[in-house]
């Protein structure tokens, strides 16, 4: 989930180029999924598809290296970000401002609903006027 390479495919060949210096003995990792997927979705898909629990540094950091990809804006205080309390699968999520708790299943359902709505919008090619 925090790969140290990029892949360039030309003429059916693959070239690996490091994004930064790799020290001798350092593990070279791969990304199974794009990092645009938040930790919960990435971890679930990796478990379903490749049968292991990812414990890379990105998946173990609830802020995802400060990108907050999985964070949601709190609907109660409208100030804080809702993040998981730990990297565990079914952990409680909590607003970092008002401390309001959210069950992981509620978060998963909410995110899936948003993704479904965005997918439907992308297929309908709406104008900006229609989206307002």
N, C-alpha and C. Protein backbone atom coordinates (compact mmCIF):
# COMPACT_ATOMS: atom_id res chain seq x y z
N UNK A 1 0.82 -1.21 0.00
CA UNK A 1 0.00 0.00 0.00
C UNK A 1 0.86 1.26 0.00
N UNK A 2 2.13 1.08 0.23
CA UNK A 2 3.08 2.19 0.18
C UNK A 2 4.27 1.72 -0.65
N UNK A 3 4.00 1.46 -1.90
CA UNK A 3 5.02 0.84 -2.75
C UNK A 3 6.20 1.77 -2.97
N UNK A 4 7.32 1.17 -3.26
CA UNK A 4 8.55 1.90 -3.48
C UNK A 4 9.00 1.77 -4.94
N UNK A 5 8.06 1.71 -5.84
CA UNK A 5 8.41 1.56 -7.25
C UNK A 5 7.29 2.13 -8.10
N UNK A 6 7.58 2.31 -9.36
CA UNK A 6 6.53 2.60 -10.34
C UNK A 6 6.74 1.62 -11.48
N UNK A 7 5.68 1.30 -12.16
CA UNK A 7 5.76 0.33 -13.24
C UNK A 7 5.51 1.04 -14.56
N UNK A 8 6.40 0.83 -15.51
CA UNK A 8 6.27 1.38 -16.85
C UNK A 8 6.23 0.20 -17.81
N UNK A 9 5.11 0.01 -18.46
CA UNK A 9 4.96 -1.13 -19.37
C UNK A 9 5.03 -0.61 -20.81
N UNK A 10 6.10 -0.97 -21.50
CA UNK A 10 6.28 -0.63 -22.92
C UNK A 10 6.59 -1.92 -23.67
N UNK A 11 5.89 -2.13 -24.73
CA UNK A 11 6.15 -3.31 -25.57
C UNK A 11 6.16 -4.60 -24.76
N UNK A 12 5.25 -4.72 -23.84
CA UNK A 12 5.08 -5.92 -23.01
C UNK A 12 6.27 -6.21 -22.10
N UNK A 13 7.08 -5.20 -21.83
CA UNK A 13 8.16 -5.37 -20.86
C UNK A 13 7.85 -4.48 -19.65
N UNK A 14 8.40 -4.85 -18.53
CA UNK A 14 8.16 -4.11 -17.30
C UNK A 14 9.49 -3.57 -16.80
N UNK A 15 9.49 -2.28 -16.51
CA UNK A 15 10.67 -1.64 -15.95
C UNK A 15 10.32 -1.12 -14.57
N UNK A 16 11.11 -1.47 -13.58
CA UNK A 16 10.89 -0.97 -12.24
C UNK A 16 11.89 0.14 -11.95
N UNK A 17 11.39 1.26 -11.47
CA UNK A 17 12.26 2.37 -11.08
C UNK A 17 11.86 2.81 -9.69
N UNK A 18 12.81 2.88 -8.81
CA UNK A 18 12.53 3.29 -7.43
C UNK A 18 12.16 4.76 -7.39
N UNK A 19 11.18 5.10 -6.55
CA UNK A 19 10.78 6.50 -6.36
C UNK A 19 11.76 7.24 -5.46
N UNK A 20 12.45 6.48 -4.64
CA UNK A 20 13.48 7.06 -3.78
C UNK A 20 14.52 5.99 -3.51
N UNK A 21 15.64 6.39 -2.93
CA UNK A 21 16.74 5.47 -2.70
C UNK A 21 16.30 4.31 -1.80
N UNK A 22 16.66 3.10 -2.22
CA UNK A 22 16.35 1.91 -1.45
C UNK A 22 17.65 1.42 -0.82
N UNK A 23 17.68 1.45 0.48
CA UNK A 23 18.87 1.00 1.21
C UNK A 23 19.02 -0.52 1.07
N UNK A 24 20.25 -0.98 1.11
CA UNK A 24 20.51 -2.41 1.03
C UNK A 24 19.79 -3.14 2.16
N UNK A 25 19.11 -4.22 1.81
CA UNK A 25 18.39 -5.02 2.78
C UNK A 25 16.98 -4.54 3.07
N UNK A 26 16.58 -3.39 2.51
CA UNK A 26 15.24 -2.85 2.75
C UNK A 26 14.24 -3.60 1.87
N UNK A 27 13.11 -3.95 2.44
CA UNK A 27 12.09 -4.71 1.72
C UNK A 27 11.45 -3.85 0.64
N UNK A 28 11.34 -4.40 -0.57
CA UNK A 28 10.63 -3.75 -1.66
C UNK A 28 9.22 -4.31 -1.65
N UNK A 29 8.26 -3.42 -1.54
CA UNK A 29 6.86 -3.84 -1.43
C UNK A 29 6.09 -3.44 -2.68
N UNK A 30 4.92 -4.03 -2.85
CA UNK A 30 4.06 -3.69 -3.97
C UNK A 30 2.73 -3.18 -3.45
N UNK A 31 2.02 -2.47 -4.30
CA UNK A 31 0.66 -2.03 -3.98
C UNK A 31 -0.31 -2.96 -4.67
N UNK A 32 -1.21 -3.52 -3.90
CA UNK A 32 -2.23 -4.38 -4.48
C UNK A 32 -3.38 -3.55 -5.03
N UNK A 33 -3.61 -2.41 -4.42
CA UNK A 33 -4.71 -1.53 -4.81
C UNK A 33 -4.24 -0.08 -4.75
N UNK A 34 -4.90 0.80 -5.50
CA UNK A 34 -4.52 2.21 -5.43
C UNK A 34 -4.75 2.78 -4.03
N UNK A 35 -3.93 3.72 -3.62
CA UNK A 35 -4.06 4.31 -2.29
C UNK A 35 -5.28 5.22 -2.17
N UNK A 36 -5.96 5.50 -3.28
CA UNK A 36 -7.18 6.31 -3.22
C UNK A 36 -8.28 5.57 -2.45
N UNK A 37 -8.19 4.22 -2.43
CA UNK A 37 -9.10 3.46 -1.59
C UNK A 37 -8.65 3.65 -0.16
N UNK A 38 -9.57 3.95 0.73
CA UNK A 38 -9.21 4.09 2.13
C UNK A 38 -8.81 2.75 2.73
N UNK A 39 -8.23 2.81 3.91
CA UNK A 39 -7.74 1.60 4.58
C UNK A 39 -8.82 0.52 4.72
N UNK A 40 -10.02 0.83 5.20
CA UNK A 40 -11.00 -0.25 5.38
C UNK A 40 -11.30 -1.01 4.09
N UNK A 41 -11.50 -0.27 3.00
CA UNK A 41 -11.82 -0.91 1.72
C UNK A 41 -10.61 -1.68 1.20
N UNK A 42 -9.42 -1.09 1.31
CA UNK A 42 -8.21 -1.76 0.84
C UNK A 42 -7.97 -3.05 1.61
N UNK A 43 -8.05 -2.97 2.95
CA UNK A 43 -7.81 -4.16 3.77
C UNK A 43 -8.82 -5.26 3.47
N UNK A 44 -10.10 -4.89 3.35
CA UNK A 44 -11.15 -5.88 3.08
C UNK A 44 -10.91 -6.55 1.72
N UNK A 45 -10.57 -5.75 0.72
CA UNK A 45 -10.36 -6.31 -0.62
C UNK A 45 -9.13 -7.22 -0.65
N UNK A 46 -8.07 -6.82 0.04
CA UNK A 46 -6.87 -7.66 0.09
C UNK A 46 -7.17 -8.99 0.79
N UNK A 47 -7.95 -8.93 1.87
CA UNK A 47 -8.30 -10.17 2.58
C UNK A 47 -9.16 -11.08 1.71
N UNK A 48 -10.10 -10.49 0.97
CA UNK A 48 -10.99 -11.29 0.12
C UNK A 48 -10.27 -11.86 -1.11
N UNK A 49 -9.38 -11.06 -1.68
CA UNK A 49 -8.74 -11.42 -2.94
C UNK A 49 -7.44 -12.18 -2.77
N UNK A 50 -6.61 -11.80 -1.78
CA UNK A 50 -5.28 -12.39 -1.63
C UNK A 50 -5.10 -13.13 -0.30
N UNK A 51 -6.12 -13.17 0.53
CA UNK A 51 -6.16 -13.99 1.75
C UNK A 51 -5.07 -13.67 2.78
N UNK A 52 -4.79 -12.37 2.96
CA UNK A 52 -3.91 -11.99 4.06
C UNK A 52 -4.34 -10.63 4.59
N UNK A 53 -3.94 -10.33 5.80
CA UNK A 53 -4.24 -9.04 6.42
C UNK A 53 -3.03 -8.14 6.24
N UNK A 54 -3.22 -7.04 5.56
CA UNK A 54 -2.12 -6.13 5.31
C UNK A 54 -1.78 -5.39 6.60
N UNK A 55 -0.51 -5.40 6.93
CA UNK A 55 -0.02 -4.69 8.12
C UNK A 55 1.12 -3.75 7.73
N UNK A 56 1.03 -3.21 6.52
CA UNK A 56 2.06 -2.27 6.09
C UNK A 56 1.93 -0.98 6.89
N UNK A 57 2.92 -0.12 6.80
CA UNK A 57 2.90 1.11 7.59
C UNK A 57 1.73 2.01 7.23
N UNK A 58 1.30 2.01 5.97
CA UNK A 58 0.15 2.84 5.59
C UNK A 58 -1.14 2.31 6.21
N UNK A 59 -1.34 1.00 6.16
CA UNK A 59 -2.56 0.41 6.71
C UNK A 59 -2.59 0.46 8.24
N UNK A 60 -1.44 0.57 8.88
CA UNK A 60 -1.39 0.64 10.34
C UNK A 60 -1.52 2.07 10.87
N UNK A 61 -1.50 3.06 9.99
CA UNK A 61 -1.62 4.47 10.38
C UNK A 61 -3.03 4.94 10.07
N UNK A 62 -3.84 5.25 11.09
CA UNK A 62 -5.24 5.63 10.85
C UNK A 62 -5.37 6.92 10.05
N UNK A 63 -4.32 7.75 10.01
CA UNK A 63 -4.37 8.97 9.19
C UNK A 63 -3.84 8.73 7.79
N UNK A 64 -3.34 7.52 7.52
CA UNK A 64 -2.76 7.16 6.23
C UNK A 64 -1.68 8.16 5.80
N UNK A 65 -0.69 8.31 6.67
CA UNK A 65 0.43 9.23 6.45
C UNK A 65 -0.03 10.68 6.35
N UNK A 66 -1.08 11.02 7.09
CA UNK A 66 -1.57 12.40 7.10
C UNK A 66 -2.42 12.78 5.91
N UNK A 67 -2.78 11.82 5.06
CA UNK A 67 -3.62 12.12 3.90
C UNK A 67 -5.10 12.12 4.28
N UNK A 68 -5.45 11.43 5.34
CA UNK A 68 -6.83 11.33 5.83
C UNK A 68 -7.79 10.81 4.76
N UNK A 69 -7.31 9.92 3.90
CA UNK A 69 -8.13 9.37 2.81
C UNK A 69 -9.41 8.73 3.34
N UNK A 70 -9.36 8.06 4.47
CA UNK A 70 -10.53 7.38 5.02
C UNK A 70 -11.38 8.25 5.93
N UNK A 71 -10.92 9.45 6.25
CA UNK A 71 -11.63 10.31 7.20
C UNK A 71 -12.95 10.81 6.63
N UNK A 72 -13.91 10.99 7.51
CA UNK A 72 -15.20 11.58 7.16
C UNK A 72 -15.42 12.81 8.02
N UNK A 73 -16.11 13.79 7.50
CA UNK A 73 -16.46 14.98 8.27
C UNK A 73 -17.58 14.62 9.24
N UNK A 74 -17.45 15.04 10.49
CA UNK A 74 -18.44 14.70 11.51
C UNK A 74 -19.77 15.38 11.23
N UNK A 75 -20.82 14.60 11.21
CA UNK A 75 -22.17 15.14 10.96
C UNK A 75 -22.79 15.74 12.23
N UNK A 76 -22.19 15.48 13.37
CA UNK A 76 -22.74 16.01 14.63
C UNK A 76 -22.19 17.39 14.95
N UNK A 77 -20.88 17.54 14.98
CA UNK A 77 -20.29 18.83 15.34
C UNK A 77 -19.92 19.65 14.10
N UNK A 78 -19.82 18.99 12.97
CA UNK A 78 -19.44 19.62 11.70
C UNK A 78 -18.06 20.29 11.75
N UNK A 79 -17.25 19.91 12.73
CA UNK A 79 -15.91 20.48 12.89
C UNK A 79 -14.82 19.44 12.69
N UNK A 80 -15.01 18.28 13.32
CA UNK A 80 -13.96 17.28 13.37
C UNK A 80 -14.01 16.26 12.26
N UNK A 81 -12.96 15.46 12.22
CA UNK A 81 -12.87 14.35 11.29
C UNK A 81 -13.10 13.04 12.04
N UNK A 82 -13.86 12.15 11.43
CA UNK A 82 -14.11 10.84 12.00
C UNK A 82 -13.05 9.89 11.46
N UNK A 83 -12.34 9.26 12.38
CA UNK A 83 -11.28 8.31 12.03
C UNK A 83 -11.40 7.08 12.92
N UNK A 84 -10.87 5.95 12.46
CA UNK A 84 -10.88 4.77 13.32
C UNK A 84 -9.96 5.00 14.52
N UNK A 85 -10.34 4.39 15.65
CA UNK A 85 -9.51 4.51 16.85
C UNK A 85 -8.23 3.70 16.75
N UNK A 86 -8.27 2.63 15.96
CA UNK A 86 -7.08 1.80 15.76
C UNK A 86 -7.16 1.19 14.36
N UNK A 87 -6.08 0.57 13.89
CA UNK A 87 -6.11 -0.05 12.56
C UNK A 87 -6.87 -1.38 12.52
N UNK A 88 -7.40 -1.83 13.64
CA UNK A 88 -8.13 -3.10 13.69
C UNK A 88 -9.37 -3.06 12.81
N UNK A 89 -9.79 -4.22 12.33
CA UNK A 89 -10.88 -4.34 11.36
C UNK A 89 -12.20 -3.72 11.83
N UNK A 90 -12.71 -4.11 12.97
CA UNK A 90 -14.02 -3.65 13.41
C UNK A 90 -13.93 -2.63 14.54
N UNK A 91 -12.94 -1.78 14.50
CA UNK A 91 -12.73 -0.81 15.55
C UNK A 91 -13.79 0.30 15.52
N UNK A 92 -13.99 0.92 16.63
CA UNK A 92 -14.89 2.06 16.74
C UNK A 92 -14.26 3.25 16.03
N UNK A 93 -15.08 4.03 15.35
CA UNK A 93 -14.62 5.27 14.74
C UNK A 93 -15.08 6.41 15.64
N UNK A 94 -14.32 7.49 15.69
CA UNK A 94 -14.65 8.57 16.60
C UNK A 94 -14.24 9.91 15.98
N UNK A 95 -15.09 10.92 16.20
CA UNK A 95 -14.77 12.27 15.78
C UNK A 95 -13.61 12.77 16.64
N UNK A 96 -12.61 13.34 16.02
CA UNK A 96 -11.44 13.83 16.75
C UNK A 96 -11.72 15.16 17.44
N UNK A 97 -12.89 15.77 17.20
CA UNK A 97 -13.22 17.05 17.81
C UNK A 97 -14.22 16.88 18.96
N UNK A 98 -15.39 16.29 18.65
CA UNK A 98 -16.44 16.15 19.67
C UNK A 98 -16.43 14.77 20.33
N UNK A 99 -15.60 13.86 19.83
CA UNK A 99 -15.45 12.51 20.37
C UNK A 99 -16.68 11.63 20.16
N UNK A 100 -17.61 12.03 19.32
CA UNK A 100 -18.80 11.23 19.04
C UNK A 100 -18.38 9.91 18.39
N UNK A 101 -18.88 8.76 18.91
CA UNK A 101 -18.49 7.45 18.37
C UNK A 101 -19.38 7.00 17.21
N UNK A 102 -18.81 6.20 16.32
CA UNK A 102 -19.53 5.61 15.19
C UNK A 102 -19.08 4.17 15.04
N UNK A 103 -20.01 3.27 14.85
CA UNK A 103 -19.69 1.86 14.63
C UNK A 103 -19.09 1.68 13.24
N UNK A 104 -18.17 0.75 13.11
CA UNK A 104 -17.50 0.53 11.83
C UNK A 104 -18.48 0.12 10.73
N UNK A 105 -19.51 -0.63 11.08
CA UNK A 105 -20.49 -1.05 10.08
C UNK A 105 -21.27 0.16 9.55
N UNK A 106 -21.59 1.11 10.42
CA UNK A 106 -22.26 2.34 9.98
C UNK A 106 -21.38 3.09 8.99
N UNK A 107 -20.09 3.21 9.30
CA UNK A 107 -19.14 3.90 8.41
C UNK A 107 -19.07 3.19 7.07
N UNK A 108 -18.94 1.86 7.09
CA UNK A 108 -18.83 1.08 5.85
C UNK A 108 -20.08 1.26 4.99
N UNK A 109 -21.25 1.21 5.59
CA UNK A 109 -22.50 1.39 4.85
C UNK A 109 -22.61 2.80 4.29
N UNK A 110 -22.25 3.78 5.08
CA UNK A 110 -22.29 5.18 4.65
C UNK A 110 -21.36 5.41 3.46
N UNK A 111 -20.13 4.92 3.54
CA UNK A 111 -19.16 5.08 2.46
C UNK A 111 -19.64 4.36 1.20
N UNK A 112 -20.20 3.16 1.34
CA UNK A 112 -20.70 2.42 0.18
C UNK A 112 -21.84 3.18 -0.49
N UNK A 113 -22.71 3.77 0.29
CA UNK A 113 -23.82 4.57 -0.26
C UNK A 113 -23.27 5.75 -1.06
N UNK A 114 -22.28 6.45 -0.50
CA UNK A 114 -21.67 7.57 -1.21
C UNK A 114 -21.02 7.12 -2.51
N UNK A 115 -20.30 6.01 -2.46
CA UNK A 115 -19.65 5.49 -3.67
C UNK A 115 -20.67 5.11 -4.73
N UNK A 116 -21.77 4.50 -4.31
CA UNK A 116 -22.83 4.13 -5.25
C UNK A 116 -23.43 5.37 -5.91
N UNK A 117 -23.64 6.42 -5.12
CA UNK A 117 -24.19 7.67 -5.67
C UNK A 117 -23.21 8.31 -6.65
N UNK A 118 -21.94 8.32 -6.31
CA UNK A 118 -20.94 8.89 -7.21
C UNK A 118 -20.83 8.09 -8.51
N UNK A 119 -20.90 6.77 -8.39
CA UNK A 119 -20.85 5.92 -9.58
C UNK A 119 -22.05 6.22 -10.49
N UNK A 120 -23.23 6.31 -9.90
CA UNK A 120 -24.44 6.61 -10.68
C UNK A 120 -24.31 7.97 -11.37
N UNK A 121 -23.77 8.95 -10.66
CA UNK A 121 -23.57 10.27 -11.25
C UNK A 121 -22.59 10.21 -12.42
N UNK A 122 -21.52 9.46 -12.25
CA UNK A 122 -20.51 9.38 -13.31
C UNK A 122 -21.06 8.74 -14.56
N UNK A 123 -22.01 7.84 -14.42
CA UNK A 123 -22.59 7.16 -15.58
C UNK A 123 -23.62 8.03 -16.29
N UNK A 124 -24.20 9.00 -15.60
CA UNK A 124 -25.25 9.82 -16.21
C UNK A 124 -24.71 11.07 -16.89
N UNK A 125 -23.43 11.38 -16.71
CA UNK A 125 -22.80 12.56 -17.31
C UNK A 125 -23.61 13.83 -17.08
N UNK A 126 -23.87 14.17 -15.82
CA UNK A 126 -24.69 15.35 -15.55
C UNK A 126 -23.94 16.65 -15.84
N UNK A 127 -24.71 17.69 -16.13
CA UNK A 127 -24.11 19.01 -16.29
C UNK A 127 -23.94 19.62 -14.90
N UNK A 128 -23.15 20.65 -14.83
CA UNK A 128 -22.95 21.34 -13.54
C UNK A 128 -24.28 21.89 -13.04
N UNK A 129 -25.09 22.38 -13.92
CA UNK A 129 -26.41 22.93 -13.56
C UNK A 129 -27.25 21.84 -12.90
N UNK A 130 -27.23 20.62 -13.44
CA UNK A 130 -28.01 19.51 -12.87
C UNK A 130 -27.49 19.09 -11.50
N UNK A 131 -26.19 19.27 -11.27
CA UNK A 131 -25.62 18.89 -9.99
C UNK A 131 -25.88 19.91 -8.89
N UNK A 132 -26.23 21.13 -9.26
CA UNK A 132 -26.47 22.17 -8.25
C UNK A 132 -27.72 21.96 -7.51
